């Protein structure tokens, strides 16, 4: 993200990343947004030749999913939506 942008621009970036992730999925790709790689900005900057005018806010791993892999068989339990959402109607 350009350093000249306000901190609120991270929300715009989030919207962009949301669309990007949906686009990857539409093309049969798997993607995983990650914050941890941003703890190493100089390594990323050096490897990818990213100028200092850009803040490294997020990394995205991209690849082809393997639905048969053991790790992809895990199904977490989820709370029912009514447990954490209140619906108000006029």
PDB file of N, CA and C in Angstrom:
ATOM      1  N   UNK A   1       0.849  -1.150   0.000  1.00  0.00           N
ATOM      2  CA  UNK A   1       0.000   0.000   0.000  1.00  0.00           C
ATOM      3  C   UNK A   1       0.902   1.223   0.000  1.00  0.00           C
ATOM      4  N   UNK A   2       0.581   2.206  -0.813  1.00  0.00           N
ATOM      5  CA  UNK A   2       1.369   3.435  -0.859  1.00  0.00           C
ATOM      6  C   UNK A   2       1.438   4.080   0.522  1.00  0.00           C
ATOM      7  N   UNK A   3       2.624   4.459   0.944  1.00  0.00           N
ATOM      8  CA  UNK A   3       2.790   5.072   2.268  1.00  0.00           C
ATOM      9  C   UNK A   3       2.071   6.413   2.365  1.00  0.00           C
ATOM     10  N   UNK A   4       1.848   7.072   1.238  1.00  0.00           N
ATOM     11  CA  UNK A   4       1.204   8.388   1.243  1.00  0.00           C
ATOM     12  C   UNK A   4      -0.291   8.307   1.566  1.00  0.00           C
ATOM     13  N   UNK A   5      -0.862   7.111   1.525  1.00  0.00           N
ATOM     14  CA  UNK A   5      -2.285   6.939   1.821  1.00  0.00           C
ATOM     15  C   UNK A   5      -2.527   6.985   3.330  1.00  0.00           C
ATOM     16  N   UNK A   6      -3.752   7.288   3.712  1.00  0.00           N
ATOM     17  CA  UNK A   6      -4.081   7.336   5.135  1.00  0.00           C
ATOM     18  C   UNK A   6      -4.229   5.919   5.672  1.00  0.00           C
ATOM     19  N   UNK A   7      -4.146   5.760   7.003  1.00  0.00           N
ATOM     20  CA  UNK A   7      -4.350   4.425   7.580  1.00  0.00           C
ATOM     21  C   UNK A   7      -5.715   3.831   7.225  1.00  0.00           C
ATOM     22  N   UNK A   8      -6.707   4.682   6.954  1.00  0.00           N
ATOM     23  CA  UNK A   8      -8.036   4.193   6.597  1.00  0.00           C
ATOM     24  C   UNK A   8      -8.030   3.475   5.251  1.00  0.00           C
ATOM     25  N   UNK A   9      -7.023   3.709   4.453  1.00  0.00           N
ATOM     26  CA  UNK A   9      -6.944   3.057   3.143  1.00  0.00           C
ATOM     27  C   UNK A   9      -6.785   1.550   3.256  1.00  0.00           C
ATOM     28  N   UNK A  10      -6.423   1.069   4.438  1.00  0.00           N
ATOM     29  CA  UNK A  10      -6.302  -0.374   4.629  1.00  0.00           C
ATOM     30  C   UNK A  10      -7.663  -1.045   4.406  1.00  0.00           C
ATOM     31  N   UNK A  11      -8.763  -0.314   4.652  1.00  0.00           N
ATOM     32  CA  UNK A  11     -10.092  -0.877   4.382  1.00  0.00           C
ATOM     33  C   UNK A  11     -10.311  -1.037   2.876  1.00  0.00           C
ATOM     34  N   UNK A  12      -9.851  -0.065   2.090  1.00  0.00           N
ATOM     35  CA  UNK A  12      -9.930  -0.184   0.628  1.00  0.00           C
ATOM     36  C   UNK A  12      -9.098  -1.368   0.160  1.00  0.00           C
ATOM     37  N   UNK A  13      -7.932  -1.526   0.756  1.00  0.00           N
ATOM     38  CA  UNK A  13      -7.072  -2.662   0.421  1.00  0.00           C
ATOM     39  C   UNK A  13      -7.780  -3.970   0.740  1.00  0.00           C
ATOM     40  N   UNK A  14      -8.475  -4.015   1.872  1.00  0.00           N
ATOM     41  CA  UNK A  14      -9.221  -5.220   2.240  1.00  0.00           C
ATOM     42  C   UNK A  14     -10.287  -5.565   1.216  1.00  0.00           C
ATOM     43  N   UNK A  15     -10.989  -4.547   0.721  1.00  0.00           N
ATOM     44  CA  UNK A  15     -11.997  -4.785  -0.322  1.00  0.00           C
ATOM     45  C   UNK A  15     -11.352  -5.305  -1.597  1.00  0.00           C
ATOM     46  N   UNK A  16     -10.208  -4.734  -1.947  1.00  0.00           N
ATOM     47  CA  UNK A  16      -9.491  -5.189  -3.138  1.00  0.00           C
ATOM     48  C   UNK A  16      -9.065  -6.646  -2.976  1.00  0.00           C
ATOM     49  N   UNK A  17      -8.505  -6.978  -1.809  1.00  0.00           N
ATOM     50  CA  UNK A  17      -8.043  -8.346  -1.565  1.00  0.00           C
ATOM     51  C   UNK A  17      -9.217  -9.321  -1.597  1.00  0.00           C
ATOM     52  N   UNK A  18     -10.363  -8.912  -1.064  1.00  0.00           N
ATOM     53  CA  UNK A  18     -11.553  -9.763  -1.106  1.00  0.00           C
ATOM     54  C   UNK A  18     -11.893 -10.130  -2.547  1.00  0.00           C
ATOM     55  N   UNK A  19     -11.942  -9.129  -3.420  1.00  0.00           N
ATOM     56  CA  UNK A  19     -12.230  -9.383  -4.830  1.00  0.00           C
ATOM     57  C   UNK A  19     -11.162 -10.238  -5.487  1.00  0.00           C
ATOM     58  N   UNK A  20      -9.912  -9.977  -5.140  1.00  0.00           N
ATOM     59  CA  UNK A  20      -8.803 -10.751  -5.699  1.00  0.00           C
ATOM     60  C   UNK A  20      -8.912 -12.227  -5.309  1.00  0.00           C
ATOM     61  N   UNK A  21      -9.224 -12.488  -4.038  1.00  0.00           N
ATOM     62  CA  UNK A  21      -9.365 -13.872  -3.573  1.00  0.00           C
ATOM     63  C   UNK A  21     -10.525 -14.573  -4.266  1.00  0.00           C
ATOM     64  N   UNK A  22     -11.630 -13.861  -4.466  1.00  0.00           N
ATOM     65  CA  UNK A  22     -12.755 -14.440  -5.201  1.00  0.00           C
ATOM     66  C   UNK A  22     -12.362 -14.732  -6.647  1.00  0.00           C
ATOM     67  N   UNK A  23     -11.585 -13.840  -7.252  1.00  0.00           N
ATOM     68  CA  UNK A  23     -11.111 -14.057  -8.616  1.00  0.00           C
ATOM     69  C   UNK A  23     -10.214 -15.276  -8.722  1.00  0.00           C
ATOM     70  N   UNK A  24      -9.315 -15.443  -7.744  1.00  0.00           N
ATOM     71  CA  UNK A  24      -8.466 -16.636  -7.734  1.00  0.00           C
ATOM     72  C   UNK A  24      -9.319 -17.895  -7.682  1.00  0.00           C
ATOM     73  N   UNK A  25     -10.313 -17.897  -6.776  1.00  0.00           N
ATOM     74  CA  UNK A  25     -11.188 -19.066  -6.631  1.00  0.00           C
ATOM     75  C   UNK A  25     -11.938 -19.345  -7.925  1.00  0.00           C
ATOM     76  N   UNK A  26     -12.377 -18.307  -8.600  1.00  0.00           N
ATOM     77  CA  UNK A  26     -13.107 -18.481  -9.865  1.00  0.00           C
ATOM     78  C   UNK A  26     -12.218 -19.109 -10.931  1.00  0.00           C
ATOM     79  N   UNK A  27     -10.917 -18.924 -10.799  1.00  0.00           N
ATOM     80  CA  UNK A  27      -9.971 -19.509 -11.762  1.00  0.00           C
ATOM     81  C   UNK A  27      -9.417 -20.851 -11.298  1.00  0.00           C
ATOM     82  N   UNK A  28      -9.973 -21.389 -10.199  1.00  0.00           N
ATOM     83  CA  UNK A  28      -9.536 -22.703  -9.718  1.00  0.00           C
ATOM     84  C   UNK A  28      -8.304 -22.665  -8.842  1.00  0.00           C
ATOM     85  N   UNK A  29      -7.929 -21.487  -8.380  1.00  0.00           N
ATOM     86  CA  UNK A  29      -6.751 -21.360  -7.525  1.00  0.00           C
ATOM     87  C   UNK A  29      -7.167 -21.243  -6.070  1.00  0.00           C
ATOM     88  N   UNK A  30      -6.297 -21.683  -5.190  1.00  0.00           N
ATOM     89  CA  UNK A  30      -6.485 -21.482  -3.763  1.00  0.00           C
ATOM     90  C   UNK A  30      -5.574 -20.351  -3.335  1.00  0.00           C
ATOM     91  N   UNK A  31      -5.999 -19.568  -2.370  1.00  0.00           N
ATOM     92  CA  UNK A  31      -5.177 -18.455  -1.894  1.00  0.00           C
ATOM     93  C   UNK A  31      -5.386 -18.277  -0.399  1.00  0.00           C
ATOM     94  N   UNK A  32      -4.342 -17.806   0.262  1.00  0.00           N
ATOM     95  CA  UNK A  32      -4.385 -17.629   1.707  1.00  0.00           C
ATOM     96  C   UNK A  32      -3.745 -16.288   2.057  1.00  0.00           C
ATOM     97  N   UNK A  33      -4.550 -15.300   2.500  1.00  0.00           N
ATOM     98  CA  UNK A  33      -3.966 -14.041   2.938  1.00  0.00           C
ATOM     99  C   UNK A  33      -3.222 -14.254   4.261  1.00  0.00           C
ATOM    100  N   UNK A  34      -2.054 -13.624   4.378  1.00  0.00           N
ATOM    101  CA  UNK A  34      -1.225 -13.827   5.565  1.00  0.00           C
ATOM    102  C   UNK A  34      -0.619 -12.497   6.018  1.00  0.00           C
ATOM    103  N   UNK A  35      -0.646 -12.257   7.315  1.00  0.00           N
ATOM    104  CA  UNK A  35      -0.028 -11.053   7.873  1.00  0.00           C
ATOM    105  C   UNK A  35       1.407 -11.328   8.330  1.00  0.00           C
ATOM    106  N   UNK A  36       1.713 -12.538   8.751  1.00  0.00           N
ATOM    107  CA  UNK A  36       3.020 -12.859   9.331  1.00  0.00           C
ATOM    108  C   UNK A  36       4.206 -12.485   8.438  1.00  0.00           C
ATOM    109  N   UNK A  37       4.160 -12.730   7.122  1.00  0.00           N
ATOM    110  CA  UNK A  37       5.311 -12.355   6.303  1.00  0.00           C
ATOM    111  C   UNK A  37       5.655 -10.860   6.365  1.00  0.00           C
ATOM    112  N   UNK A  38       4.687 -10.035   6.750  1.00  0.00           N
ATOM    113  CA  UNK A  38       4.967  -8.605   6.816  1.00  0.00           C
ATOM    114  C   UNK A  38       5.902  -8.253   7.971  1.00  0.00           C
ATOM    115  N   UNK A  39       6.188  -9.213   8.833  1.00  0.00           N
ATOM    116  CA  UNK A  39       7.165  -9.002   9.894  1.00  0.00           C
ATOM    117  C   UNK A  39       8.587  -8.963   9.343  1.00  0.00           C
ATOM    118  N   UNK A  40       8.743  -9.311   8.069  1.00  0.00           N
ATOM    119  CA  UNK A  40      10.056  -9.334   7.423  1.00  0.00           C
ATOM    120  C   UNK A  40      10.049  -8.433   6.185  1.00  0.00           C
ATOM    121  N   UNK A  41       9.719  -7.163   6.345  1.00  0.00           N
ATOM    122  CA  UNK A  41       9.536  -6.306   5.172  1.00  0.00           C
ATOM    123  C   UNK A  41      10.795  -6.134   4.325  1.00  0.00           C
ATOM    124  N   UNK A  42      11.951  -6.080   4.964  1.00  0.00           N
ATOM    125  CA  UNK A  42      13.172  -5.855   4.176  1.00  0.00           C
ATOM    126  C   UNK A  42      13.507  -7.064   3.305  1.00  0.00           C
ATOM    127  N   UNK A  43      13.287  -8.258   3.812  1.00  0.00           N
ATOM    128  CA  UNK A  43      13.524  -9.465   3.015  1.00  0.00           C
ATOM    129  C   UNK A  43      12.593  -9.479   1.810  1.00  0.00           C
ATOM    130  N   UNK A  44      11.313  -9.200   2.044  1.00  0.00           N
ATOM    131  CA  UNK A  44      10.328  -9.167   0.959  1.00  0.00           C
ATOM    132  C   UNK A  44      10.671  -8.064  -0.027  1.00  0.00           C
ATOM    133  N   UNK A  45      11.004  -6.893   0.522  1.00  0.00           N
ATOM    134  CA  UNK A  45      11.342  -5.738  -0.309  1.00  0.00           C
ATOM    135  C   UNK A  45      12.534  -6.055  -1.232  1.00  0.00           C
ATOM    136  N   UNK A  46      13.567  -6.670  -0.649  1.00  0.00           N
ATOM    137  CA  UNK A  46      14.766  -7.007  -1.429  1.00  0.00           C
ATOM    138  C   UNK A  46      14.470  -8.042  -2.513  1.00  0.00           C
ATOM    139  N   UNK A  47      13.761  -9.100  -2.149  1.00  0.00           N
ATOM    140  CA  UNK A  47      13.485 -10.182  -3.103  1.00  0.00           C
ATOM    141  C   UNK A  47      12.585  -9.734  -4.251  1.00  0.00           C
ATOM    142  N   UNK A  48      11.599  -8.900  -3.950  1.00  0.00           N
ATOM    143  CA  UNK A  48      10.605  -8.515  -4.959  1.00  0.00           C
ATOM    144  C   UNK A  48      10.829  -7.108  -5.517  1.00  0.00           C
ATOM    145  N   UNK A  49      11.932  -6.486  -5.082  1.00  0.00           N
ATOM    146  CA  UNK A  49      12.284  -5.138  -5.554  1.00  0.00           C
ATOM    147  C   UNK A  49      11.130  -4.145  -5.345  1.00  0.00           C
ATOM    148  N   UNK A  50      10.610  -4.130  -4.132  1.00  0.00           N
ATOM    149  CA  UNK A  50       9.523  -3.229  -3.767  1.00  0.00           C
ATOM    150  C   UNK A  50      10.143  -1.953  -3.196  1.00  0.00           C
ATOM    151  N   UNK A  51       9.778  -0.791  -3.719  1.00  0.00           N
ATOM    152  CA  UNK A  51      10.378   0.462  -3.234  1.00  0.00           C
ATOM    153  C   UNK A  51       9.921   0.825  -1.816  1.00  0.00           C
ATOM    154  N   UNK A  52      10.665   1.703  -1.161  1.00  0.00           N
ATOM    155  CA  UNK A  52      10.337   2.141   0.194  1.00  0.00           C
ATOM    156  C   UNK A  52       9.049   2.948   0.264  1.00  0.00           C
ATOM    157  N   UNK A  53       8.545   3.391  -0.858  1.00  0.00           N
ATOM    158  CA  UNK A  53       7.304   4.176  -0.875  1.00  0.00           C
ATOM    159  C   UNK A  53       6.074   3.296  -0.669  1.00  0.00           C
ATOM    160  N   UNK A  54       6.280   1.990  -0.642  1.00  0.00           N
ATOM    161  CA  UNK A  54       5.194   1.022  -0.478  1.00  0.00           C
ATOM    162  C   UNK A  54       5.313   0.362   0.898  1.00  0.00           C
ATOM    163  N   UNK A  55       4.213   0.359   1.658  1.00  0.00           N
ATOM    164  CA  UNK A  55       4.152  -0.390   2.921  1.00  0.00           C
ATOM    165  C   UNK A  55       3.716  -1.817   2.605  1.00  0.00           C
ATOM    166  N   UNK A  56       4.387  -2.758   3.203  1.00  0.00           N
ATOM    167  CA  UNK A  56       4.014  -4.157   3.005  1.00  0.00           C
ATOM    168  C   UNK A  56       3.021  -4.509   4.105  1.00  0.00           C
ATOM    169  N   UNK A  57       1.756  -4.646   3.728  1.00  0.00           N
ATOM    170  CA  UNK A  57       0.660  -4.803   4.671  1.00  0.00           C
ATOM    171  C   UNK A  57       0.161  -6.238   4.730  1.00  0.00           C
ATOM    172  N   UNK A  58       0.300  -6.960   3.633  1.00  0.00           N
ATOM    173  CA  UNK A  58      -0.293  -8.285   3.526  1.00  0.00           C
ATOM    174  C   UNK A  58       0.455  -9.094   2.479  1.00  0.00           C
ATOM    175  N   UNK A  59       0.530 -10.384   2.701  1.00  0.00           N
ATOM    176  CA  UNK A  59       1.066 -11.303   1.696  1.00  0.00           C
ATOM    177  C   UNK A  59      -0.046 -12.302   1.367  1.00  0.00           C
ATOM    178  N   UNK A  60      -0.031 -12.798   0.145  1.00  0.00           N
ATOM    179  CA  UNK A  60      -1.026 -13.788  -0.255  1.00  0.00           C
ATOM    180  C   UNK A  60      -0.308 -14.969  -0.902  1.00  0.00           C
ATOM    181  N   UNK A  61      -0.497 -16.145  -0.319  1.00  0.00           N
ATOM    182  CA  UNK A  61       0.039 -17.369  -0.922  1.00  0.00           C
ATOM    183  C   UNK A  61      -0.999 -17.880  -1.914  1.00  0.00           C
ATOM    184  N   UNK A  62      -0.536 -18.298  -3.087  1.00  0.00           N
ATOM    185  CA  UNK A  62      -1.437 -18.743  -4.149  1.00  0.00           C
ATOM    186  C   UNK A  62      -0.963 -20.097  -4.666  1.00  0.00           C
ATOM    187  N   UNK A  63      -1.884 -20.985  -4.930  1.00  0.00           N
ATOM    188  CA  UNK A  63      -1.525 -22.281  -5.481  1.00  0.00           C
ATOM    189  C   UNK A  63      -2.756 -23.048  -5.903  1.00  0.00           C
ATOM    190  N   UNK A  64      -2.532 -24.282  -6.289  1.00  0.00           N
ATOM    191  CA  UNK A  64      -3.639 -25.145  -6.684  1.00  0.00           C
ATOM    192  C   UNK A  64      -4.056 -25.986  -5.492  1.00  0.00           C
ATOM    193  N   UNK A  65      -5.336 -25.931  -5.103  1.00  0.00           N
ATOM    194  CA  UNK A  65      -5.788 -26.708  -3.945  1.00  0.00           C
ATOM    195  C   UNK A  65      -5.756 -28.206  -4.221  1.00  0.00           C
ATOM    196  N   UNK A  66      -5.521 -28.949  -3.166  1.00  0.00           N
ATOM    197  CA  UNK A  66      -5.572 -30.403  -3.233  1.00  0.00           C
ATOM    198  C   UNK A  66      -6.661 -30.875  -2.276  1.00  0.00           C
ATOM    199  N   UNK A  67      -7.886 -31.042  -2.780  1.00  0.00           N
ATOM    200  CA  UNK A  67      -9.000 -31.409  -1.900  1.00  0.00           C
ATOM    201  C   UNK A  67      -8.801 -32.750  -1.201  1.00  0.00           C
ATOM    202  N   UNK A  68      -7.930 -33.603  -1.731  1.00  0.00           N
ATOM    203  CA  UNK A  68      -7.706 -34.925  -1.140  1.00  0.00           C
ATOM    204  C   UNK A  68      -6.672 -34.907  -0.021  1.00  0.00           C
ATOM    205  N   UNK A  69      -5.944 -33.820   0.142  1.00  0.00           N
ATOM    206  CA  UNK A  69      -4.924 -33.743   1.191  1.00  0.00           C
ATOM    207  C   UNK A  69      -5.581 -33.840   2.563  1.00  0.00           C
ATOM    208  N   UNK A  70      -4.925 -34.513   3.482  1.00  0.00           N
ATOM    209  CA  UNK A  70      -5.474 -34.721   4.822  1.00  0.00           C
ATOM    210  C   UNK A  70      -5.845 -33.403   5.487  1.00  0.00           C
ATOM    211  N   UNK A  71      -4.988 -32.411   5.369  1.00  0.00           N
ATOM    212  CA  UNK A  71      -5.249 -31.125   6.019  1.00  0.00           C
ATOM    213  C   UNK A  71      -6.541 -30.481   5.506  1.00  0.00           C
ATOM    214  N   UNK A  72      -6.919 -30.792   4.291  1.00  0.00           N
ATOM    215  CA  UNK A  72      -8.133 -30.220   3.713  1.00  0.00           C
ATOM    216  C   UNK A  72      -9.394 -31.011   4.049  1.00  0.00           C
ATOM    217  N   UNK A  73      -9.255 -32.066   4.824  1.00  0.00           N
ATOM    218  CA  UNK A  73     -10.408 -32.862   5.233  1.00  0.00           C
ATOM    219  C   UNK A  73     -11.013 -32.351   6.538  1.00  0.00           C
ATOM    220  N   UNK A  74     -10.306 -31.485   7.225  1.00  0.00           N
ATOM    221  CA  UNK A  74     -10.767 -30.995   8.521  1.00  0.00           C
ATOM    222  C   UNK A  74     -12.015 -30.137   8.364  1.00  0.00           C
ATOM    223  N   UNK A  75     -13.014 -30.385   9.184  1.00  0.00           N
ATOM    224  CA  UNK A  75     -14.243 -29.594   9.212  1.00  0.00           C
ATOM    225  C   UNK A  75     -14.414 -29.072  10.632  1.00  0.00           C
ATOM    226  N   UNK A  76     -14.265 -27.773  10.806  1.00  0.00           N
ATOM    227  CA  UNK A  76     -14.437 -27.197  12.136  1.00  0.00           C
ATOM    228  C   UNK A  76     -15.924 -27.069  12.462  1.00  0.00           C
ATOM    229  N   UNK A  77     -16.213 -27.092  13.747  1.00  0.00           N
ATOM    230  CA  UNK A  77     -17.593 -26.860  14.155  1.00  0.00           C
ATOM    231  C   UNK A  77     -17.848 -25.361  14.123  1.00  0.00           C
ATOM    232  N   UNK A  78     -19.055 -24.996  13.765  1.00  0.00           N
ATOM    233  CA  UNK A  78     -19.403 -23.585  13.680  1.00  0.00           C
ATOM    234  C   UNK A  78     -20.619 -23.314  14.539  1.00  0.00           C
ATOM    235  N   UNK A  79     -20.583 -22.133  15.128  1.00  0.00           N
ATOM    236  CA  UNK A  79     -21.752 -21.715  15.896  1.00  0.00           C
ATOM    237  C   UNK A  79     -22.856 -21.324  14.927  1.00  0.00           C
ATOM    238  N   UNK A  80     -24.083 -21.498  15.362  1.00  0.00           N
ATOM    239  CA  UNK A  80     -25.222 -21.063  14.564  1.00  0.00           C
ATOM    240  C   UNK A  80     -25.220 -19.538  14.507  1.00  0.00           C
ATOM    241  N   UNK A  81     -25.624 -18.989  13.379  1.00  0.00           N
ATOM    242  CA  UNK A  81     -25.584 -17.545  13.194  1.00  0.00           C
ATOM    243  C   UNK A  81     -26.394 -16.795  14.252  1.00  0.00           C
ATOM    244  N   UNK A  82     -27.488 -17.386  14.706  1.00  0.00           N
ATOM    245  CA  UNK A  82     -28.323 -16.727  15.712  1.00  0.00           C
ATOM    246  C   UNK A  82     -27.657 -16.653  17.089  1.00  0.00           C
ATOM    247  N   UNK A  83     -26.549 -17.353  17.259  1.00  0.00           N
ATOM    248  CA  UNK A  83     -25.812 -17.275  18.519  1.00  0.00           C
ATOM    249  C   UNK A  83     -24.993 -15.996  18.630  1.00  0.00           C
ATOM    250  N   UNK A  84     -24.685 -15.348  17.502  1.00  0.00           N
ATOM    251  CA  UNK A  84     -23.848 -14.154  17.574  1.00  0.00           C
ATOM    252  C   UNK A  84     -24.385 -12.975  16.755  1.00  0.00           C
ATOM    253  N   UNK A  85     -25.547 -13.122  16.127  1.00  0.00           N
ATOM    254  CA  UNK A  85     -26.177 -12.037  15.364  1.00  0.00           C
ATOM    255  C   UNK A  85     -27.560 -11.775  15.945  1.00  0.00           C
ATOM    256  N   UNK A  86     -27.864 -10.517  16.116  1.00  0.00           N
ATOM    257  CA  UNK A  86     -29.229 -10.141  16.520  1.00  0.00           C
ATOM    258  C   UNK A  86     -29.913  -9.527  15.321  1.00  0.00           C
ATOM    259  N   UNK A  87     -31.094 -10.004  15.020  1.00  0.00           N
ATOM    260  CA  UNK A  87     -31.843  -9.518  13.871  1.00  0.00           C
ATOM    261  C   UNK A  87     -32.904  -8.520  14.345  1.00  0.00           C
ATOM    262  N   UNK A  88     -32.848  -7.321  13.829  1.00  0.00           N
ATOM    263  CA  UNK A  88     -33.830  -6.297  14.158  1.00  0.00           C
ATOM    264  C   UNK A  88     -34.658  -5.996  12.919  1.00  0.00           C
ATOM    265  N   UNK A  89     -35.953  -6.059  13.058  1.00  0.00           N
ATOM    266  CA  UNK A  89     -36.833  -5.735  11.933  1.00  0.00           C
ATOM    267  C   UNK A  89     -37.790  -4.642  12.361  1.00  0.00           C
ATOM    268  N   UNK A  90     -38.124  -3.734  11.453  1.00  0.00           N
ATOM    269  CA  UNK A  90     -39.049  -2.639  11.801  1.00  0.00           C
ATOM    270  C   UNK A  90     -40.462  -3.131  11.998  1.00  0.00           C
TER     271      UNK A  90
END
